[in-house]
């Protein structure tokens, strides 16, 4: 009885052929990855905010290893002729890392409207439908340029190139990095497996909580809008960053207020006056902004909105908010005011 070889006799020849293909096509595939990345980035701009869009070419040895693991055993049994490159759909790979779970489906819909979808692997649904498996989640799409773009000069030469697009949240991406560092996940003691499961569950909870916090943040923004524009009694309550941004964005429409800086500034105001209210901010700006802008023009002293706000608040109550300005700022302004 003749025991068959574990791999086909000509497997090494197939590997050699693939390596030649890979080396010959490498630069072309690299340019394809860059074109796909540029296109996807352009599609996302002003539609869905994401953390990053990246691209890569799969390492040649990784391609061969994947083929041996996933496809070679079946091909060996069937004696079917093959080319390794026909089975590695992620030689060109792209990844979108988005912010929230709900963004994944929105991105998928946008991508499906602009590319030809060849296959889909929904690792989120796969893991959600099991009780005893763990690992990183994400959506994997095998794509090609669609018919609408295939005739455009900048895409024509890439018509036959397929690529894999992974869509993950920041949390899913972080877990995938750690997941790949865990070397043993199957035949391990039950207690160790439980600990890995618990860690995976923590990342899932973090992703879901991140999404809920985002929803609550939008609610607070809408609530602040009602309170500020409605001139209700809530104007006399302590200011928060949502109310602050609504007031100052209206006063300085061309300036981009970065959220974390605004948050820190509100904290500074509340340190000086624990009862600092939205009403005080509005009155400070309404009553003194014109004066401070005139001071800035006459003294050729450029002031960004935060500096203008500081001066306005100082004028609103010089005693209480004396330290909101540096001493040199305060003395210079007071000297100008006396001369006026």
C-alpha atoms as a PDB file:
ATOM      1  CA  UNK A   1       0.000   0.000   0.000  1.00  0.00           C
ATOM      2  CA  UNK A   2       1.352   3.369  -0.997  1.00  0.00           C
ATOM      3  CA  UNK A   3       0.812   6.127   1.574  1.00  0.00           C
ATOM      4  CA  UNK A   4       0.076   9.414  -0.201  1.00  0.00           C
ATOM      5  CA  UNK A   5       2.203  12.457   0.409  1.00  0.00           C
ATOM      6  CA  UNK A   6       0.766  15.037   2.837  1.00  0.00           C
ATOM      7  CA  UNK A   7       1.032  17.683   0.099  1.00  0.00           C
ATOM      8  CA  UNK A   8       0.868  17.323  -3.678  1.00  0.00           C
ATOM      9  CA  UNK A   9       4.096  16.461  -5.389  1.00  0.00           C
ATOM     10  CA  UNK A  10       4.060  19.726  -7.331  1.00  0.00           C
ATOM     11  CA  UNK A  11       3.241  21.918  -4.322  1.00  0.00           C
ATOM     12  CA  UNK A  12       6.726  23.385  -4.185  1.00  0.00           C
ATOM     13  CA  UNK A  13       6.416  24.234  -7.857  1.00  0.00           C
ATOM     14  CA  UNK A  14       3.123  26.021  -7.118  1.00  0.00           C
ATOM     15  CA  UNK A  15       4.819  27.951  -4.348  1.00  0.00           C
ATOM     16  CA  UNK A  16       7.628  28.955  -6.714  1.00  0.00           C
ATOM     17  CA  UNK A  17       5.080  30.094  -9.296  1.00  0.00           C
ATOM     18  CA  UNK A  18       3.233  32.108  -6.682  1.00  0.00           C
ATOM     19  CA  UNK A  19       6.424  33.742  -5.425  1.00  0.00           C
ATOM     20  CA  UNK A  20       7.265  34.797  -8.987  1.00  0.00           C
ATOM     21  CA  UNK A  21       3.760  36.211  -9.412  1.00  0.00           C
ATOM     22  CA  UNK A  22       4.002  38.011  -6.060  1.00  0.00           C
ATOM     23  CA  UNK A  23       7.365  39.608  -6.827  1.00  0.00           C
ATOM     24  CA  UNK A  24       6.306  40.659 -10.327  1.00  0.00           C
ATOM     25  CA  UNK A  25       3.005  42.152  -9.152  1.00  0.00           C
ATOM     26  CA  UNK A  26       4.126  43.605  -5.820  1.00  0.00           C
ATOM     27  CA  UNK A  27       4.503  47.240  -6.897  1.00  0.00           C
ATOM     28  CA  UNK A  28       1.314  47.086  -8.953  1.00  0.00           C
ATOM     29  CA  UNK A  29      -0.645  45.639  -6.015  1.00  0.00           C
ATOM     30  CA  UNK A  30       0.856  48.269  -3.741  1.00  0.00           C
ATOM     31  CA  UNK A  31      -0.374  51.027  -6.061  1.00  0.00           C
ATOM     32  CA  UNK A  32      -3.809  49.354  -6.189  1.00  0.00           C
ATOM     33  CA  UNK A  33      -3.973  49.365  -2.389  1.00  0.00           C
ATOM     34  CA  UNK A  34      -3.122  53.066  -2.353  1.00  0.00           C
ATOM     35  CA  UNK A  35      -5.795  53.864  -4.969  1.00  0.00           C
ATOM     36  CA  UNK A  36      -8.463  51.896  -3.073  1.00  0.00           C
ATOM     37  CA  UNK A  37      -7.476  53.600   0.181  1.00  0.00           C
ATOM     38  CA  UNK A  38      -7.716  57.059  -1.410  1.00  0.00           C
ATOM     39  CA  UNK A  39     -11.113  56.266  -2.897  1.00  0.00           C
ATOM     40  CA  UNK A  40     -12.551  54.877   0.340  1.00  0.00           C
ATOM     41  CA  UNK A  41     -11.192  57.806   2.350  1.00  0.00           C
ATOM     42  CA  UNK A  42     -12.868  60.215  -0.090  1.00  0.00           C
ATOM     43  CA  UNK A  43     -16.172  58.351   0.196  1.00  0.00           C
ATOM     44  CA  UNK A  44     -16.115  58.605   3.982  1.00  0.00           C
ATOM     45  CA  UNK A  45     -15.192  62.293   4.221  1.00  0.00           C
ATOM     46  CA  UNK A  46     -18.032  64.414   5.617  1.00  0.00           C
ATOM     47  CA  UNK A  47     -20.292  61.341   5.798  1.00  0.00           C
ATOM     48  CA  UNK A  48     -19.037  59.031   8.531  1.00  0.00           C
ATOM     49  CA  UNK A  49     -16.205  60.095  10.864  1.00  0.00           C
ATOM     50  CA  UNK A  50     -13.608  57.340  11.306  1.00  0.00           C
ATOM     51  CA  UNK A  51     -10.404  56.948  13.269  1.00  0.00           C
ATOM     52  CA  UNK A  52      -8.296  55.678  10.362  1.00  0.00           C
ATOM     53  CA  UNK A  53      -8.185  54.077   6.923  1.00  0.00           C
ATOM     54  CA  UNK A  54      -5.100  51.976   6.270  1.00  0.00           C
ATOM     55  CA  UNK A  55      -3.827  49.594   3.595  1.00  0.00           C
ATOM     56  CA  UNK A  56      -1.198  46.880   3.284  1.00  0.00           C
ATOM     57  CA  UNK A  57       0.078  44.084   1.052  1.00  0.00           C
ATOM     58  CA  UNK A  58       0.021  40.673   2.742  1.00  0.00           C
ATOM     59  CA  UNK A  59       3.440  39.184   3.361  1.00  0.00           C
ATOM     60  CA  UNK A  60       4.383  36.523   0.779  1.00  0.00           C
ATOM     61  CA  UNK A  61       5.119  33.847   3.388  1.00  0.00           C
ATOM     62  CA  UNK A  62       1.827  34.589   5.157  1.00  0.00           C
ATOM     63  CA  UNK A  63      -0.008  34.032   1.880  1.00  0.00           C
ATOM     64  CA  UNK A  64       1.571  30.605   1.408  1.00  0.00           C
ATOM     65  CA  UNK A  65       0.936  29.653   5.024  1.00  0.00           C
ATOM     66  CA  UNK A  66      -2.732  30.644   4.763  1.00  0.00           C
ATOM     67  CA  UNK A  67      -3.143  28.671   1.555  1.00  0.00           C
ATOM     68  CA  UNK A  68      -1.619  25.526   3.088  1.00  0.00           C
ATOM     69  CA  UNK A  69      -3.828  25.811   6.141  1.00  0.00           C
ATOM     70  CA  UNK A  70      -7.181  26.680   4.543  1.00  0.00           C
ATOM     71  CA  UNK A  71      -7.235  25.401   0.976  1.00  0.00           C
ATOM     72  CA  UNK A  72      -4.517  22.863   0.230  1.00  0.00           C
ATOM     73  CA  UNK A  73      -6.029  19.833   2.025  1.00  0.00           C
ATOM     74  CA  UNK A  74      -9.241  19.977  -0.054  1.00  0.00           C
ATOM     75  CA  UNK A  75      -7.359  20.620  -3.283  1.00  0.00           C
ATOM     76  CA  UNK A  76      -5.009  17.759  -2.515  1.00  0.00           C
ATOM     77  CA  UNK A  77      -7.930  15.357  -2.177  1.00  0.00           C
ATOM     78  CA  UNK A  78      -9.568  16.558  -5.379  1.00  0.00           C
ATOM     79  CA  UNK A  79      -6.398  16.562  -7.496  1.00  0.00           C
ATOM     80  CA  UNK A  80      -7.627  19.828  -8.956  1.00  0.00           C
ATOM     81  CA  UNK A  81      -5.108  22.128 -10.608  1.00  0.00           C
ATOM     82  CA  UNK A  82      -4.814  25.565  -9.029  1.00  0.00           C
ATOM     83  CA  UNK A  83      -2.924  28.809  -8.640  1.00  0.00           C
ATOM     84  CA  UNK A  84      -2.266  29.948  -5.096  1.00  0.00           C
ATOM     85  CA  UNK A  85      -3.014  33.598  -5.901  1.00  0.00           C
ATOM     86  CA  UNK A  86      -6.571  32.697  -6.929  1.00  0.00           C
ATOM     87  CA  UNK A  87      -7.340  31.645  -3.350  1.00  0.00           C
ATOM     88  CA  UNK A  88      -5.729  34.472  -1.389  1.00  0.00           C
ATOM     89  CA  UNK A  89      -8.346  37.207  -1.608  1.00  0.00           C
ATOM     90  CA  UNK A  90      -6.618  39.454   0.920  1.00  0.00           C
ATOM     91  CA  UNK A  91      -3.212  39.932  -0.693  1.00  0.00           C
ATOM     92  CA  UNK A  92      -4.397  43.529  -0.931  1.00  0.00           C
ATOM     93  CA  UNK A  93      -5.979  44.462   2.358  1.00  0.00           C
ATOM     94  CA  UNK A  94      -7.583  47.616   3.727  1.00  0.00           C
ATOM     95  CA  UNK A  95      -8.940  48.418   7.159  1.00  0.00           C
ATOM     96  CA  UNK A  96     -11.361  51.046   8.378  1.00  0.00           C
ATOM     97  CA  UNK A  97     -11.302  51.700  12.113  1.00  0.00           C
ATOM     98  CA  UNK A  98     -14.463  53.573  13.082  1.00  0.00           C
ATOM     99  CA  UNK A  99     -15.700  54.997  16.364  1.00  0.00           C
ATOM    100  CA  UNK A 100     -19.001  53.309  17.156  1.00  0.00           C
ATOM    101  CA  UNK A 101     -20.701  49.964  16.595  1.00  0.00           C
ATOM    102  CA  UNK A 102     -23.550  51.604  14.698  1.00  0.00           C
ATOM    103  CA  UNK A 103     -21.041  53.038  12.196  1.00  0.00           C
ATOM    104  CA  UNK A 104     -20.103  49.581  10.883  1.00  0.00           C
ATOM    105  CA  UNK A 105     -23.405  48.981   9.081  1.00  0.00           C
ATOM    106  CA  UNK A 106     -23.458  52.539   7.738  1.00  0.00           C
ATOM    107  CA  UNK A 107     -19.962  52.100   6.333  1.00  0.00           C
ATOM    108  CA  UNK A 108     -20.904  48.726   4.862  1.00  0.00           C
ATOM    109  CA  UNK A 109     -23.859  50.264   3.047  1.00  0.00           C
ATOM    110  CA  UNK A 110     -21.690  53.077   1.694  1.00  0.00           C
ATOM    111  CA  UNK A 111     -19.062  50.598   0.490  1.00  0.00           C
ATOM    112  CA  UNK A 112     -21.625  48.286  -1.125  1.00  0.00           C
ATOM    113  CA  UNK A 113     -22.982  51.239  -3.111  1.00  0.00           C
ATOM    114  CA  UNK A 114     -19.538  51.972  -4.519  1.00  0.00           C
ATOM    115  CA  UNK A 115     -17.858  48.571  -4.937  1.00  0.00           C
ATOM    116  CA  UNK A 116     -18.735  45.104  -6.179  1.00  0.00           C
ATOM    117  CA  UNK A 117     -19.121  42.799  -3.189  1.00  0.00           C
ATOM    118  CA  UNK A 118     -17.697  39.307  -3.773  1.00  0.00           C
ATOM    119  CA  UNK A 119     -18.023  37.836  -0.297  1.00  0.00           C
ATOM    120  CA  UNK A 120     -18.712  38.830   3.291  1.00  0.00           C
ATOM    121  CA  UNK A 121     -17.462  37.427   6.595  1.00  0.00           C
ATOM    122  CA  UNK A 122     -19.411  38.814   9.538  1.00  0.00           C
ATOM    123  CA  UNK A 123     -17.300  37.920  12.565  1.00  0.00           C
ATOM    124  CA  UNK A 124     -19.643  39.970  14.763  1.00  0.00           C
ATOM    125  CA  UNK A 125     -22.661  37.774  14.001  1.00  0.00           C
ATOM    126  CA  UNK A 126     -20.561  34.606  14.110  1.00  0.00           C
ATOM    127  CA  UNK A 127     -19.340  35.253  17.638  1.00  0.00           C
ATOM    128  CA  UNK A 128     -22.660  36.646  18.882  1.00  0.00           C
ATOM    129  CA  UNK A 129     -24.363  33.380  17.892  1.00  0.00           C
ATOM    130  CA  UNK A 130     -22.018  31.175  19.946  1.00  0.00           C
ATOM    131  CA  UNK A 131     -21.596  30.610  23.668  1.00  0.00           C
ATOM    132  CA  UNK A 132     -18.111  29.171  23.949  1.00  0.00           C
ATOM    133  CA  UNK A 133     -16.040  31.031  21.370  1.00  0.00           C
ATOM    134  CA  UNK A 134     -14.044  34.192  21.748  1.00  0.00           C
ATOM    135  CA  UNK A 135     -11.919  36.353  19.524  1.00  0.00           C
ATOM    136  CA  UNK A 136     -11.910  39.715  17.797  1.00  0.00           C
ATOM    137  CA  UNK A 137     -15.006  40.946  16.008  1.00  0.00           C
ATOM    138  CA  UNK A 138     -15.284  42.848  12.771  1.00  0.00           C
ATOM    139  CA  UNK A 139     -16.779  42.827   9.314  1.00  0.00           C
ATOM    140  CA  UNK A 140     -14.682  41.511   6.404  1.00  0.00           C
ATOM    141  CA  UNK A 141     -15.724  42.294   2.828  1.00  0.00           C
ATOM    142  CA  UNK A 142     -14.124  40.933  -0.344  1.00  0.00           C
ATOM    143  CA  UNK A 143     -14.491  43.664  -2.963  1.00  0.00           C
ATOM    144  CA  UNK A 144     -13.670  44.802  -6.487  1.00  0.00           C
ATOM    145  CA  UNK A 145     -14.161  48.015  -8.434  1.00  0.00           C
ATOM    146  CA  UNK A 146     -17.805  48.156  -9.564  1.00  0.00           C
ATOM    147  CA  UNK A 147     -19.100  48.637 -13.102  1.00  0.00           C
ATOM    148  CA  UNK A 148     -19.719  52.365 -12.666  1.00  0.00           C
ATOM    149  CA  UNK A 149     -16.036  53.028 -11.957  1.00  0.00           C
ATOM    150  CA  UNK A 150     -14.439  50.293 -14.053  1.00  0.00           C
ATOM    151  CA  UNK A 151     -14.434  52.449 -17.192  1.00  0.00           C
ATOM    152  CA  UNK A 152     -12.827  55.472 -15.541  1.00  0.00           C
ATOM    153  CA  UNK A 153      -9.171  55.916 -16.555  1.00  0.00           C
ATOM    154  CA  UNK A 154      -7.853  56.027 -12.999  1.00  0.00           C
ATOM    155  CA  UNK A 155      -9.435  52.668 -12.130  1.00  0.00           C
ATOM    156  CA  UNK A 156      -9.398  50.667 -15.382  1.00  0.00           C
ATOM    157  CA  UNK A 157      -6.088  48.903 -14.751  1.00  0.00           C
ATOM    158  CA  UNK A 158      -7.309  47.756 -11.321  1.00  0.00           C
ATOM    159  CA  UNK A 159     -10.554  46.198 -12.584  1.00  0.00           C
ATOM    160  CA  UNK A 160      -9.385  42.636 -11.956  1.00  0.00           C
ATOM    161  CA  UNK A 161      -7.891  43.258  -8.523  1.00  0.00           C
ATOM    162  CA  UNK A 162      -9.907  42.010  -5.563  1.00  0.00           C
ATOM    163  CA  UNK A 163      -9.157  43.119  -2.026  1.00  0.00           C
ATOM    164  CA  UNK A 164     -10.331  42.522   1.510  1.00  0.00           C
ATOM    165  CA  UNK A 165     -11.747  45.386   3.548  1.00  0.00           C
ATOM    166  CA  UNK A 166     -11.956  44.981   7.319  1.00  0.00           C
ATOM    167  CA  UNK A 167     -14.305  47.287   9.230  1.00  0.00           C
ATOM    168  CA  UNK A 168     -13.820  47.485  12.999  1.00  0.00           C
ATOM    169  CA  UNK A 169     -14.484  49.834  15.867  1.00  0.00           C
ATOM    170  CA  UNK A 170     -11.545  51.194  17.861  1.00  0.00           C
ATOM    171  CA  UNK A 171     -12.387  48.744  20.647  1.00  0.00           C
ATOM    172  CA  UNK A 172     -12.590  45.775  18.271  1.00  0.00           C
ATOM    173  CA  UNK A 173      -9.270  46.789  16.718  1.00  0.00           C
ATOM    174  CA  UNK A 174      -7.618  46.998  20.142  1.00  0.00           C
ATOM    175  CA  UNK A 175      -8.922  43.543  21.077  1.00  0.00           C
ATOM    176  CA  UNK A 176      -7.727  42.087  17.763  1.00  0.00           C
ATOM    177  CA  UNK A 177      -4.187  43.205  18.576  1.00  0.00           C
ATOM    178  CA  UNK A 178      -4.332  41.557  21.994  1.00  0.00           C
ATOM    179  CA  UNK A 179      -6.129  38.513  20.604  1.00  0.00           C
ATOM    180  CA  UNK A 180      -3.246  37.804  18.247  1.00  0.00           C
ATOM    181  CA  UNK A 181      -0.824  37.992  21.173  1.00  0.00           C
ATOM    182  CA  UNK A 182      -2.654  35.207  23.023  1.00  0.00           C
ATOM    183  CA  UNK A 183      -0.797  32.194  21.651  1.00  0.00           C
ATOM    184  CA  UNK A 184      -2.931  29.396  23.098  1.00  0.00           C
ATOM    185  CA  UNK A 185      -6.735  29.607  22.984  1.00  0.00           C
ATOM    186  CA  UNK A 186      -8.122  26.136  22.256  1.00  0.00           C
ATOM    187  CA  UNK A 187      -6.601  23.232  24.128  1.00  0.00           C
ATOM    188  CA  UNK A 188      -6.033  25.043  27.402  1.00  0.00           C
ATOM    189  CA  UNK A 189      -7.297  24.577  30.995  1.00  0.00           C
ATOM    190  CA  UNK A 190     -10.897  25.696  31.514  1.00  0.00           C
ATOM    191  CA  UNK A 191      -9.945  28.370  34.055  1.00  0.00           C
ATOM    192  CA  UNK A 192      -7.568  30.042  31.593  1.00  0.00           C
ATOM    193  CA  UNK A 193     -10.206  29.872  28.863  1.00  0.00           C
ATOM    194  CA  UNK A 194     -12.732  31.491  31.241  1.00  0.00           C
ATOM    195  CA  UNK A 195     -10.335  34.349  31.936  1.00  0.00           C
ATOM    196  CA  UNK A 196      -9.844  34.982  28.213  1.00  0.00           C
ATOM    197  CA  UNK A 197     -13.618  34.889  27.711  1.00  0.00           C
ATOM    198  CA  UNK A 198     -14.095  37.402  30.499  1.00  0.00           C
ATOM    199  CA  UNK A 199     -11.505  39.709  28.949  1.00  0.00           C
ATOM    200  CA  UNK A 200     -13.218  39.451  25.555  1.00  0.00           C
ATOM    201  CA  UNK A 201     -16.557  40.233  27.215  1.00  0.00           C
ATOM    202  CA  UNK A 202     -15.091  43.353  28.829  1.00  0.00           C
ATOM    203  CA  UNK A 203     -14.112  44.683  25.413  1.00  0.00           C
ATOM    204  CA  UNK A 204     -17.644  44.031  24.135  1.00  0.00           C
ATOM    205  CA  UNK A 205     -19.149  45.866  27.100  1.00  0.00           C
ATOM    206  CA  UNK A 206     -16.751  48.772  26.511  1.00  0.00           C
ATOM    207  CA  UNK A 207     -17.837  49.003  22.854  1.00  0.00           C
ATOM    208  CA  UNK A 208     -21.523  48.997  23.762  1.00  0.00           C
ATOM    209  CA  UNK A 209     -21.038  51.498  26.590  1.00  0.00           C
ATOM    210  CA  UNK A 210     -19.038  53.779  24.284  1.00  0.00           C
ATOM    211  CA  UNK A 211     -22.002  53.770  21.898  1.00  0.00           C
ATOM    212  CA  UNK A 212     -24.482  54.521  24.706  1.00  0.00           C
ATOM    213  CA  UNK A 213     -22.330  57.388  25.986  1.00  0.00           C
ATOM    214  CA  UNK A 214     -22.256  58.840  22.478  1.00  0.00           C
ATOM    215  CA  UNK A 215     -26.062  58.681  22.376  1.00  0.00           C
ATOM    216  CA  UNK A 216     -26.367  60.349  25.778  1.00  0.00           C
ATOM    217  CA  UNK A 217     -23.901  63.037  24.677  1.00  0.00           C
ATOM    218  CA  UNK A 218     -26.138  63.903  21.722  1.00  0.00           C
ATOM    219  CA  UNK A 219     -29.127  64.101  24.086  1.00  0.00           C
ATOM    220  CA  UNK A 220     -27.239  66.489  26.370  1.00  0.00           C
ATOM    221  CA  UNK A 221     -26.306  68.636  23.383  1.00  0.00           C
ATOM    222  CA  UNK A 222     -29.951  68.867  22.318  1.00  0.00           C
ATOM    223  CA  UNK A 223     -30.986  69.611  25.890  1.00  0.00           C
ATOM    224  CA  UNK A 224     -28.384  72.386  26.121  1.00  0.00           C
ATOM    225  CA  UNK A 225     -29.647  73.848  22.843  1.00  0.00           C
ATOM    226  CA  UNK A 226     -33.181  74.051  24.238  1.00  0.00           C
ATOM    227  CA  UNK A 227     -32.007  75.626  27.476  1.00  0.00           C
ATOM    228  CA  UNK A 228     -29.723  78.217  25.869  1.00  0.00           C
ATOM    229  CA  UNK A 229     -31.959  79.254  22.991  1.00  0.00           C
ATOM    230  CA  UNK A 230     -35.133  79.065  25.049  1.00  0.00           C
ATOM    231  CA  UNK A 231     -33.916  81.564  27.673  1.00  0.00           C
ATOM    232  CA  UNK A 232     -35.354  79.339  30.389  1.00  0.00           C
ATOM    233  CA  UNK A 233     -34.559  79.301  34.108  1.00  0.00           C
ATOM    234  CA  UNK A 234     -31.865  76.693  33.381  1.00  0.00           C
ATOM    235  CA  UNK A 235     -29.652  79.568  32.200  1.00  0.00           C
ATOM    236  CA  UNK A 236     -29.055  80.307  35.878  1.00  0.00           C
ATOM    237  CA  UNK A 237     -27.828  76.785  36.596  1.00  0.00           C
ATOM    238  CA  UNK A 238     -24.146  75.843  36.521  1.00  0.00           C
ATOM    239  CA  UNK A 239     -22.649  75.950  33.071  1.00  0.00           C
ATOM    240  CA  UNK A 240     -21.387  72.758  31.416  1.00  0.00           C
ATOM    241  CA  UNK A 241     -19.343  72.184  28.292  1.00  0.00           C
ATOM    242  CA  UNK A 242     -22.427  71.610  26.097  1.00  0.00           C
ATOM    243  CA  UNK A 243     -23.970  74.964  27.035  1.00  0.00           C
ATOM    244  CA  UNK A 244     -20.597  76.701  26.801  1.00  0.00           C
ATOM    245  CA  UNK A 245     -20.002  75.463  23.243  1.00  0.00           C
ATOM    246  CA  UNK A 246     -23.458  76.539  22.078  1.00  0.00           C
ATOM    247  CA  UNK A 247     -22.907  80.087  23.365  1.00  0.00           C
ATOM    248  CA  UNK A 248     -19.349  80.596  22.118  1.00  0.00           C
ATOM    249  CA  UNK A 249     -19.872  78.932  18.723  1.00  0.00           C
ATOM    250  CA  UNK A 250     -22.665  81.426  18.134  1.00  0.00           C
ATOM    251  CA  UNK A 251     -20.413  84.322  19.206  1.00  0.00           C
ATOM    252  CA  UNK A 252     -17.367  83.113  17.240  1.00  0.00           C
ATOM    253  CA  UNK A 253     -18.798  81.162  14.261  1.00  0.00           C
ATOM    254  CA  UNK A 254     -15.553  81.003  12.271  1.00  0.00           C
ATOM    255  CA  UNK A 255     -13.491  79.534  15.119  1.00  0.00           C
ATOM    256  CA  UNK A 256     -13.204  75.773  15.699  1.00  0.00           C
ATOM    257  CA  UNK A 257     -13.548  74.993  19.394  1.00  0.00           C
ATOM    258  CA  UNK A 258     -11.879  71.684  20.253  1.00  0.00           C
ATOM    259  CA  UNK A 259     -14.063  69.813  22.716  1.00  0.00           C
ATOM    260  CA  UNK A 260     -11.436  68.800  25.269  1.00  0.00           C
ATOM    261  CA  UNK A 261      -9.993  72.340  25.390  1.00  0.00           C
ATOM    262  CA  UNK A 262     -13.472  73.767  25.884  1.00  0.00           C
ATOM    263  CA  UNK A 263     -14.061  71.264  28.661  1.00  0.00           C
ATOM    264  CA  UNK A 264     -10.876  72.386  30.418  1.00  0.00           C
ATOM    265  CA  UNK A 265     -11.841  76.052  30.045  1.00  0.00           C
ATOM    266  CA  UNK A 266     -15.247  75.428  31.634  1.00  0.00           C
ATOM    267  CA  UNK A 267     -13.440  73.719  34.492  1.00  0.00           C
ATOM    268  CA  UNK A 268     -11.315  76.868  34.974  1.00  0.00           C
ATOM    269  CA  UNK A 269     -14.441  79.034  35.130  1.00  0.00           C
ATOM    270  CA  UNK A 270     -16.088  76.804  37.721  1.00  0.00           C
ATOM    271  CA  UNK A 271     -12.956  76.797  39.871  1.00  0.00           C
ATOM    272  CA  UNK A 272     -13.178  80.578  40.110  1.00  0.00           C
ATOM    273  CA  UNK A 273     -16.924  80.542  40.672  1.00  0.00           C
ATOM    274  CA  UNK A 274     -18.620  77.275  41.546  1.00  0.00           C
ATOM    275  CA  UNK A 275     -21.964  78.799  40.536  1.00  0.00           C
ATOM    276  CA  UNK A 276     -20.809  80.156  37.174  1.00  0.00           C
ATOM    277  CA  UNK A 277     -23.860  79.992  34.932  1.00  0.00           C
ATOM    278  CA  UNK A 278     -24.671  80.139  31.245  1.00  0.00           C
ATOM    279  CA  UNK A 279     -26.423  83.444  31.933  1.00  0.00           C
ATOM    280  CA  UNK A 280     -23.188  84.960  33.289  1.00  0.00           C
ATOM    281  CA  UNK A 281     -21.288  83.872  30.162  1.00  0.00           C
ATOM    282  CA  UNK A 282     -23.934  85.327  27.849  1.00  0.00           C
ATOM    283  CA  UNK A 283     -24.060  88.649  29.731  1.00  0.00           C
ATOM    284  CA  UNK A 284     -20.260  88.869  29.835  1.00  0.00           C
ATOM    285  CA  UNK A 285     -20.008  88.505  26.070  1.00  0.00           C
ATOM    286  CA  UNK A 286     -23.034  90.643  25.211  1.00  0.00           C
ATOM    287  CA  UNK A 287     -21.901  93.521  27.415  1.00  0.00           C
ATOM    288  CA  UNK A 288     -18.132  93.501  26.906  1.00  0.00           C
ATOM    289  CA  UNK A 289     -17.131  91.675  23.725  1.00  0.00           C
ATOM    290  CA  UNK A 290     -17.215  94.826  21.603  1.00  0.00           C
ATOM    291  CA  UNK A 291     -14.968  96.641  24.069  1.00  0.00           C
ATOM    292  CA  UNK A 292     -12.419  93.836  24.150  1.00  0.00           C
ATOM    293  CA  UNK A 293     -12.338  93.596  20.359  1.00  0.00           C
ATOM    294  CA  UNK A 294     -11.744  97.353  20.176  1.00  0.00           C
ATOM    295  CA  UNK A 295      -8.913  96.988  22.697  1.00  0.00           C
ATOM    296  CA  UNK A 296      -7.393  94.229  20.569  1.00  0.00           C
ATOM    297  CA  UNK A 297      -7.514  96.392  17.414  1.00  0.00           C
ATOM    298  CA  UNK A 298      -6.117  99.550  19.002  1.00  0.00           C
ATOM    299  CA  UNK A 299      -3.228  97.782  20.743  1.00  0.00           C
ATOM    300  CA  UNK A 300      -2.461  95.460  17.806  1.00  0.00           C
ATOM    301  CA  UNK A 301      -2.804  92.630  20.303  1.00  0.00           C
ATOM    302  CA  UNK A 302      -4.276  89.564  18.596  1.00  0.00           C
ATOM    303  CA  UNK A 303      -6.663  87.646  20.831  1.00  0.00           C
ATOM    304  CA  UNK A 304      -8.147  84.250  20.165  1.00  0.00           C
ATOM    305  CA  UNK A 305     -11.729  83.667  21.345  1.00  0.00           C
ATOM    306  CA  UNK A 306     -10.630  82.163  24.653  1.00  0.00           C
ATOM    307  CA  UNK A 307      -8.606  85.282  25.495  1.00  0.00           C
ATOM    308  CA  UNK A 308     -11.542  87.514  24.534  1.00  0.00           C
ATOM    309  CA  UNK A 309     -13.852  85.462  26.744  1.00  0.00           C
ATOM    310  CA  UNK A 310     -11.406  85.744  29.663  1.00  0.00           C
ATOM    311  CA  UNK A 311     -11.331  89.530  29.339  1.00  0.00           C
ATOM    312  CA  UNK A 312     -15.133  89.704  29.083  1.00  0.00           C
ATOM    313  CA  UNK A 313     -15.590  87.593  32.193  1.00  0.00           C
ATOM    314  CA  UNK A 314     -13.027  89.745  34.022  1.00  0.00           C
ATOM    315  CA  UNK A 315     -14.993  92.888  33.151  1.00  0.00           C
ATOM    316  CA  UNK A 316     -18.216  91.248  34.301  1.00  0.00           C
ATOM    317  CA  UNK A 317     -16.830  90.931  37.846  1.00  0.00           C
ATOM    318  CA  UNK A 318     -13.285  92.247  38.304  1.00  0.00           C
ATOM    319  CA  UNK A 319     -13.027  91.131  41.910  1.00  0.00           C
ATOM    320  CA  UNK A 320     -14.292  87.587  41.522  1.00  0.00           C
ATOM    321  CA  UNK A 321     -12.497  86.915  38.225  1.00  0.00           C
ATOM    322  CA  UNK A 322      -9.312  88.867  38.834  1.00  0.00           C
ATOM    323  CA  UNK A 323      -7.083  85.817  38.341  1.00  0.00           C
ATOM    324  CA  UNK A 324      -8.702  84.697  35.093  1.00  0.00           C
ATOM    325  CA  UNK A 325      -6.126  86.939  33.374  1.00  0.00           C
ATOM    326  CA  UNK A 326      -2.381  86.828  33.801  1.00  0.00           C
ATOM    327  CA  UNK A 327      -1.212  89.838  35.790  1.00  0.00           C
ATOM    328  CA  UNK A 328       0.537  91.321  32.757  1.00  0.00           C
ATOM    329  CA  UNK A 329      -2.679  90.925  30.716  1.00  0.00           C
ATOM    330  CA  UNK A 330      -4.792  92.523  33.418  1.00  0.00           C
ATOM    331  CA  UNK A 331      -2.442  95.465  33.981  1.00  0.00           C
ATOM    332  CA  UNK A 332      -2.124  96.156  30.260  1.00  0.00           C
ATOM    333  CA  UNK A 333      -5.885  96.136  29.800  1.00  0.00           C
ATOM    334  CA  UNK A 334      -6.540  98.292  32.871  1.00  0.00           C
ATOM    335  CA  UNK A 335      -3.972 100.845  31.643  1.00  0.00           C
ATOM    336  CA  UNK A 336      -5.714 101.000  28.253  1.00  0.00           C
ATOM    337  CA  UNK A 337      -9.124 101.338  29.931  1.00  0.00           C
ATOM    338  CA  UNK A 338      -7.907 104.239  32.137  1.00  0.00           C
ATOM    339  CA  UNK A 339      -6.559 106.093  29.147  1.00  0.00           C
ATOM    340  CA  UNK A 340      -9.902 105.702  27.375  1.00  0.00           C
END
